[in-house]
PDB file of N, CA and C in Angstrom:
ATOM      1  N   MET A   1      -7.975  -2.433 -23.653  1.00  0.00           N
ATOM      2  CA  MET A   1      -8.686  -2.623 -22.800  1.00  0.00           C
ATOM      3  C   MET A   1      -7.670  -2.571 -21.132  1.00  0.00           C
ATOM      4  N   SER A   2      -6.220  -2.943 -21.281  1.00  0.00           N
ATOM      5  CA  SER A   2      -5.159  -2.919 -20.170  1.00  0.00           C
ATOM      6  C   SER A   2      -5.029  -1.605 -19.939  1.00  0.00           C
ATOM      7  N   ARG A   3      -5.172  -0.778 -21.515  1.00  0.00           N
ATOM      8  CA  ARG A   3      -4.816   0.125 -20.504  1.00  0.00           C
ATOM      9  C   ARG A   3      -5.579   1.060 -20.219  1.00  0.00           C
ATOM     10  N   THR A   4      -6.903   1.506 -20.272  1.00  0.00           N
ATOM     11  CA  THR A   4      -8.200   1.695 -19.612  1.00  0.00           C
ATOM     12  C   THR A   4      -8.001   1.085 -17.914  1.00  0.00           C
ATOM     13  N   VAL A   5      -7.585  -0.311 -18.110  1.00  0.00           N
ATOM     14  CA  VAL A   5      -7.707  -0.266 -16.278  1.00  0.00           C
ATOM     15  C   VAL A   5      -6.208   0.268 -15.936  1.00  0.00           C
ATOM     16  N   ARG A   6      -5.430   0.359 -16.678  1.00  0.00           N
ATOM     17  CA  ARG A   6      -3.959   0.598 -15.930  1.00  0.00           C
ATOM     18  C   ARG A   6      -4.230   2.328 -16.045  1.00  0.00           C
ATOM     19  N   GLU A   7      -4.657   2.816 -16.568  1.00  0.00           N
ATOM     20  CA  GLU A   7      -5.158   4.500 -16.584  1.00  0.00           C
ATOM     21  C   GLU A   7      -6.002   5.089 -15.520  1.00  0.00           C
ATOM     22  N   THR A   8      -6.862   3.769 -14.966  1.00  0.00           N
ATOM     23  CA  THR A   8      -8.090   3.841 -13.768  1.00  0.00           C
ATOM     24  C   THR A   8      -7.129   4.001 -12.565  1.00  0.00           C
ATOM     25  N   LEU A   9      -6.268   2.861 -12.156  1.00  0.00           N
ATOM     26  CA  LEU A   9      -5.402   2.276 -11.672  1.00  0.00           C
ATOM     27  C   LEU A   9      -4.486   3.332 -11.019  1.00  0.00           C
ATOM     28  N   ALA A  10      -3.968   4.367 -12.109  1.00  0.00           N
ATOM     29  CA  ALA A  10      -2.879   5.398 -12.198  1.00  0.00           C
ATOM     30  C   ALA A  10      -4.092   6.403 -11.298  1.00  0.00           C
ATOM     31  N   GLU A  11      -4.744   6.339 -11.939  1.00  0.00           N
ATOM     32  CA  GLU A  11      -5.746   7.983 -11.542  1.00  0.00           C
ATOM     33  C   GLU A  11      -6.266   7.495 -10.034  1.00  0.00           C
ATOM     34  N   ALA A  12      -6.641   6.862  -9.407  1.00  0.00           N
ATOM     35  CA  ALA A  12      -7.069   6.186  -8.316  1.00  0.00           C
ATOM     36  C   ALA A  12      -5.671   5.784  -7.011  1.00  0.00           C
ATOM     37  N   TYR A  13      -4.590   5.404  -7.889  1.00  0.00           N
ATOM     38  CA  TYR A  13      -3.746   5.442  -6.950  1.00  0.00           C
ATOM     39  C   TYR A  13      -2.708   6.361  -7.218  1.00  0.00           C
ATOM     40  N   ASP A  14      -2.349   6.932  -6.248  1.00  0.00           N
ATOM     41  CA  ASP A  14      -1.763   8.165  -6.174  1.00  0.00           C
ATOM     42  C   ASP A  14      -0.824   8.370  -4.960  1.00  0.00           C
ATOM     43  N   PRO A  15       0.075   7.582  -4.382  1.00  0.00           N
ATOM     44  CA  PRO A  15       1.021   7.465  -3.097  1.00  0.00           C
ATOM     45  C   PRO A  15       1.910   8.379  -3.246  1.00  0.00           C
ATOM     46  N   ASP A  16       2.288   9.055  -2.055  1.00  0.00           N
ATOM     47  CA  ASP A  16       2.809  10.068  -1.356  1.00  0.00           C
ATOM     48  C   ASP A  16       4.641   9.297  -1.370  1.00  0.00           C
ATOM     49  N   PRO A  17       5.343   9.937  -1.650  1.00  0.00           N
ATOM     50  CA  PRO A  17       6.866   9.504  -1.851  1.00  0.00           C
ATOM     51  C   PRO A  17       6.946   9.324  -0.253  1.00  0.00           C
ATOM     52  N   ARG A  18       6.749  10.761   0.442  1.00  0.00           N
ATOM     53  CA  ARG A  18       6.939  11.121   1.074  1.00  0.00           C
ATOM     54  C   ARG A  18       6.737  10.017   2.847  1.00  0.00           C
ATOM     55  N   ALA A  19       5.644  10.165   2.399  1.00  0.00           N
ATOM     56  CA  ALA A  19       4.705   9.269   3.329  1.00  0.00           C
ATOM     57  C   ALA A  19       5.548   7.689   2.899  1.00  0.00           C
ATOM     58  N   MET A  20       5.750   7.062   2.116  1.00  0.00           N
ATOM     59  CA  MET A  20       6.229   5.823   1.824  1.00  0.00           C
ATOM     60  C   MET A  20       8.187   5.923   2.659  1.00  0.00           C
ATOM     61  N   ALA A  21       8.521   7.034   2.484  1.00  0.00           N
ATOM     62  CA  ALA A  21       9.780   7.062   3.046  1.00  0.00           C
ATOM     63  C   ALA A  21       9.142   6.619   4.641  1.00  0.00           C
ATOM     64  N   ILE A  22       8.560   7.523   5.314  1.00  0.00           N
ATOM     65  CA  ILE A  22       8.462   7.528   6.590  1.00  0.00           C
ATOM     66  C   ILE A  22       8.018   5.715   6.991  1.00  0.00           C
ATOM     67  N   VAL A  23       7.388   5.447   6.014  1.00  0.00           N
ATOM     68  CA  VAL A  23       6.778   4.145   6.303  1.00  0.00           C
ATOM     69  C   VAL A  23       8.101   2.817   5.981  1.00  0.00           C
ATOM     70  N   ALA A  24       8.782   3.376   5.299  1.00  0.00           N
ATOM     71  CA  ALA A  24      10.243   2.575   5.140  1.00  0.00           C
ATOM     72  C   ALA A  24      11.278   3.056   6.180  1.00  0.00           C
ATOM     73  N   MET A  25      11.320   3.754   6.721  1.00  0.00           N
ATOM     74  CA  MET A  25      11.699   3.987   8.063  1.00  0.00           C
ATOM     75  C   MET A  25      11.734   3.587   9.357  1.00  0.00           C
ATOM     76  N   GLY A  26      10.190   3.622   9.515  1.00  0.00           N
ATOM     77  CA  GLY A  26       9.886   3.341  10.792  1.00  0.00           C
ATOM     78  C   GLY A  26       9.562   0.997  11.066  1.00  0.00           C
ATOM     79  N   SER A  27       9.395   0.621   9.700  1.00  0.00           N
ATOM     80  CA  SER A  27       9.197  -0.894   9.155  1.00  0.00           C
ATOM     81  C   SER A  27      10.815  -1.292   9.670  1.00  0.00           C
ATOM     82  N   SER A  28      11.571  -0.353   9.130  1.00  0.00           N
ATOM     83  CA  SER A  28      13.066  -0.649   9.689  1.00  0.00           C
ATOM     84  C   SER A  28      13.385  -0.746  10.778  1.00  0.00           C
ATOM     85  N   PHE A  29      13.105   0.355  11.529  1.00  0.00           N
ATOM     86  CA  PHE A  29      12.938   0.389  13.328  1.00  0.00           C
ATOM     87  C   PHE A  29      12.948  -0.804  13.582  1.00  0.00           C
ATOM     88  N   LEU A  30      11.444  -1.408  12.928  1.00  0.00           N
ATOM     89  CA  LEU A  30      10.613  -2.465  13.798  1.00  0.00           C
ATOM     90  C   LEU A  30      11.254  -3.737  13.335  1.00  0.00           C
ATOM     91  N   LEU A  31      11.739  -3.830  12.299  1.00  0.00           N
ATOM     92  CA  LEU A  31      12.202  -4.547  11.701  1.00  0.00           C
ATOM     93  C   LEU A  31      13.790  -5.191  12.616  1.00  0.00           C
ATOM     94  N   VAL A  32      14.248  -4.415  12.261  1.00  0.00           N
ATOM     95  CA  VAL A  32      15.980  -4.367  13.790  1.00  0.00           C
ATOM     96  C   VAL A  32      15.199  -4.616  14.884  1.00  0.00           C
ATOM     97  N   SER A  33      14.717  -3.798  15.737  1.00  0.00           N
ATOM     98  CA  SER A  33      13.893  -4.521  16.904  1.00  0.00           C
ATOM     99  C   SER A  33      13.418  -5.819  17.101  1.00  0.00           C
ATOM    100  N   LEU A  34      12.949  -6.252  16.275  1.00  0.00           N
ATOM    101  CA  LEU A  34      12.153  -7.502  16.515  1.00  0.00           C
ATOM    102  C   LEU A  34      13.373  -8.432  16.326  1.00  0.00           C
ATOM    103  N   LEU A  35      14.279  -8.425  15.584  1.00  0.00           N
ATOM    104  CA  LEU A  35      15.467  -9.508  14.770  1.00  0.00           C
ATOM    105  C   LEU A  35      16.508  -8.852  15.990  1.00  0.00           C
ATOM    106  N   SER A  36      16.009  -8.259  16.723  1.00  0.00           N
ATOM    107  CA  SER A  36      17.447  -8.219  18.056  1.00  0.00           C
ATOM    108  C   SER A  36      17.367  -9.061  19.267  1.00  0.00           C
ATOM    109  N   ASN A  37      16.148  -9.917  18.981  1.00  0.00           N
ATOM    110  CA  ASN A  37      15.790 -10.445  20.284  1.00  0.00           C
ATOM    111  C   ASN A  37      14.736 -11.322  19.386  1.00  0.00           C
ATOM    112  N   PRO A  38      14.987 -12.411  18.558  1.00  0.00           N
ATOM    113  CA  PRO A  38      13.849 -13.636  18.712  1.00  0.00           C
ATOM    114  C   PRO A  38      13.371 -14.416  19.064  1.00  0.00           C
ATOM    115  N   SER A  39      12.099 -14.840  18.632  1.00  0.00           N
ATOM    116  CA  SER A  39      11.278 -15.712  19.083  1.00  0.00           C
ATOM    117  C   SER A  39      10.453 -16.553  18.145  1.00  0.00           C
ATOM    118  N   SER A  40       9.859 -17.118  19.042  1.00  0.00           N
ATOM    119  CA  SER A  40       8.980 -18.392  17.858  1.00  0.00           C
ATOM    120  C   SER A  40       7.392 -18.270  18.174  1.00  0.00           C
ATOM    121  N   ASN A  41       6.784 -17.231  19.037  1.00  0.00           N
ATOM    122  CA  ASN A  41       5.630 -17.246  19.406  1.00  0.00           C
ATOM    123  C   ASN A  41       4.626 -16.468  17.993  1.00  0.00           C
ATOM    124  N   PRO A  42       3.555 -16.998  17.828  1.00  0.00           N
ATOM    125  CA  PRO A  42       2.674 -16.313  16.905  1.00  0.00           C
ATOM    126  C   PRO A  42       2.660 -14.794  16.920  1.00  0.00           C
ATOM    127  N   PRO A  43       2.264 -14.080  17.678  1.00  0.00           N
ATOM    128  CA  PRO A  43       2.340 -12.694  17.655  1.00  0.00           C
ATOM    129  C   PRO A  43       3.632 -12.028  17.200  1.00  0.00           C
ATOM    130  N   TYR A  44       4.623 -12.593  17.585  1.00  0.00           N
ATOM    131  CA  TYR A  44       6.214 -11.996  17.237  1.00  0.00           C
ATOM    132  C   TYR A  44       6.254 -12.315  15.333  1.00  0.00           C
ATOM    133  N   LEU A  45       5.821 -13.557  15.606  1.00  0.00           N
ATOM    134  CA  LEU A  45       6.083 -13.544  13.436  1.00  0.00           C
ATOM    135  C   LEU A  45       4.735 -13.048  12.882  1.00  0.00           C
ATOM    136  N   PHE A  46       3.850 -12.698  13.581  1.00  0.00           N
ATOM    137  CA  PHE A  46       3.245 -11.663  12.837  1.00  0.00           C
ATOM    138  C   PHE A  46       3.591 -10.410  12.660  1.00  0.00           C
ATOM    139  N   GLY A  47       4.106  -9.842  13.862  1.00  0.00           N
ATOM    140  CA  GLY A  47       4.753  -8.742  13.425  1.00  0.00           C
ATOM    141  C   GLY A  47       6.265  -9.018  12.955  1.00  0.00           C
ATOM    142  N   LEU A  48       6.751  -9.451  12.937  1.00  0.00           N
ATOM    143  CA  LEU A  48       7.821  -9.916  11.943  1.00  0.00           C
ATOM    144  C   LEU A  48       7.425  -9.699   9.927  1.00  0.00           C
ATOM    145  N   VAL A  49       6.391 -10.619  10.107  1.00  0.00           N
ATOM    146  CA  VAL A  49       5.470 -10.577   8.715  1.00  0.00           C
ATOM    147  C   VAL A  49       4.962  -9.088   8.351  1.00  0.00           C
ATOM    148  N   VAL A  50       4.594  -8.555   8.862  1.00  0.00           N
ATOM    149  CA  VAL A  50       3.788  -7.207   8.638  1.00  0.00           C
ATOM    150  C   VAL A  50       4.879  -6.613   8.691  1.00  0.00           C
ATOM    151  N   ALA A  51       6.128  -6.305   9.513  1.00  0.00           N
ATOM    152  CA  ALA A  51       7.450  -5.482   9.064  1.00  0.00           C
ATOM    153  C   ALA A  51       7.980  -5.908   7.742  1.00  0.00           C
ATOM    154  N   VAL A  52       8.298  -7.113   7.391  1.00  0.00           N
ATOM    155  CA  VAL A  52       9.315  -6.992   6.199  1.00  0.00           C
ATOM    156  C   VAL A  52       7.923  -6.700   5.484  1.00  0.00           C
ATOM    157  N   LEU A  53       7.001  -7.202   5.144  1.00  0.00           N
ATOM    158  CA  LEU A  53       5.771  -6.703   3.680  1.00  0.00           C
ATOM    159  C   LEU A  53       5.866  -5.184   3.676  1.00  0.00           C
ATOM    160  N   SER A  54       5.563  -4.553   4.810  1.00  0.00           N
ATOM    161  CA  SER A  54       5.425  -3.046   4.685  1.00  0.00           C
ATOM    162  C   SER A  54       6.642  -1.855   4.266  1.00  0.00           C
ATOM    163  N   LEU A  55       7.985  -3.055   5.031  1.00  0.00           N
ATOM    164  CA  LEU A  55       9.164  -2.426   4.175  1.00  0.00           C
ATOM    165  C   LEU A  55       9.091  -2.710   2.822  1.00  0.00           C
ATOM    166  N   VAL A  56       9.111  -4.222   2.261  1.00  0.00           N
ATOM    167  CA  VAL A  56       9.151  -4.405   0.888  1.00  0.00           C
ATOM    168  C   VAL A  56       8.120  -3.304  -0.233  1.00  0.00           C
ATOM    169  N   VAL A  57       7.091  -3.416   0.468  1.00  0.00           N
ATOM    170  CA  VAL A  57       5.860  -2.486  -0.185  1.00  0.00           C
ATOM    171  C   VAL A  57       6.369  -0.758  -0.723  1.00  0.00           C
ATOM    172  N   SER A  58       6.631  -0.413   0.421  1.00  0.00           N
ATOM    173  CA  SER A  58       7.377   1.183   1.031  1.00  0.00           C
ATOM    174  C   SER A  58       8.633   1.080  -0.259  1.00  0.00           C
ATOM    175  N   VAL A  59       9.474   0.323  -0.311  1.00  0.00           N
ATOM    176  CA  VAL A  59      10.807   0.409  -1.053  1.00  0.00           C
ATOM    177  C   VAL A  59       9.944   0.424  -2.398  1.00  0.00           C
ATOM    178  N   VAL A  60       9.390  -0.865  -2.835  1.00  0.00           N
ATOM    179  CA  VAL A  60       8.988  -0.887  -4.471  1.00  0.00           C
ATOM    180  C   VAL A  60       7.760   0.206  -4.430  1.00  0.00           C
ATOM    181  N   VAL A  61       6.735   1.347  -4.011  1.00  0.00           N
ATOM    182  CA  VAL A  61       6.289   2.241  -4.116  1.00  0.00           C
ATOM    183  C   VAL A  61       7.428   3.418  -4.402  1.00  0.00           C
ATOM    184  N   LEU A  62       8.938   3.983  -3.461  1.00  0.00           N
ATOM    185  CA  LEU A  62       9.707   4.357  -3.400  1.00  0.00           C
ATOM    186  C   LEU A  62      10.167   4.234  -5.133  1.00  0.00           C
ATOM    187  N   ALA A  63      10.879   3.361  -5.294  1.00  0.00           N
ATOM    188  CA  ALA A  63      11.397   2.678  -6.596  1.00  0.00           C
ATOM    189  C   ALA A  63      10.444   2.932  -8.225  1.00  0.00           C
ATOM    190  N   VAL A  64       9.141   2.607  -7.824  1.00  0.00           N
ATOM    191  CA  VAL A  64       8.305   3.020  -8.894  1.00  0.00           C
ATOM    192  C   VAL A  64       8.223   4.360  -9.031  1.00  0.00           C
ATOM    193  N   GLU A  65       8.015   5.561  -7.900  1.00  0.00           N
ATOM    194  CA  GLU A  65       7.551   6.648  -8.119  1.00  0.00           C
ATOM    195  C   GLU A  65       9.041   7.296  -8.468  1.00  0.00           C
ATOM    196  N   THR A  66      10.142   6.830  -8.348  1.00  0.00           N
ATOM    197  CA  THR A  66      11.550   7.655  -8.406  1.00  0.00           C
ATOM    198  C   THR A  66      11.794   7.028 -10.067  1.00  0.00           C
ATOM    199  N   ARG A  67      11.093   6.762 -10.367  1.00  0.00           N
ATOM    200  CA  ARG A  67      11.180   6.110 -12.019  1.00  0.00           C
ATOM    201  C   ARG A  67      10.618   6.987 -12.976  1.00  0.00           C
ATOM    202  N   ARG A  68       9.104   7.636 -12.557  1.00  0.00           N
ATOM    203  CA  ARG A  68       8.700   8.723 -13.366  1.00  0.00           C
ATOM    204  C   ARG A  68       9.157   9.409 -13.423  1.00  0.00           C
TER     205      ARG A  68
END
């Protein structure tokens, strides 16, 4: 059953490595610009969390795609 689930997810989820590279570059630029002027207000923290999550996810997707 897990094999069927993995195959179904693999068919439905087909990321583009070029798009993930663009997301990684954009989120790293955003992260650097956010970290250069730290603050503690909620919109800043939300932007920081989103930048970190998008960078981590894009790096993970690129790592998985290069292993295939």
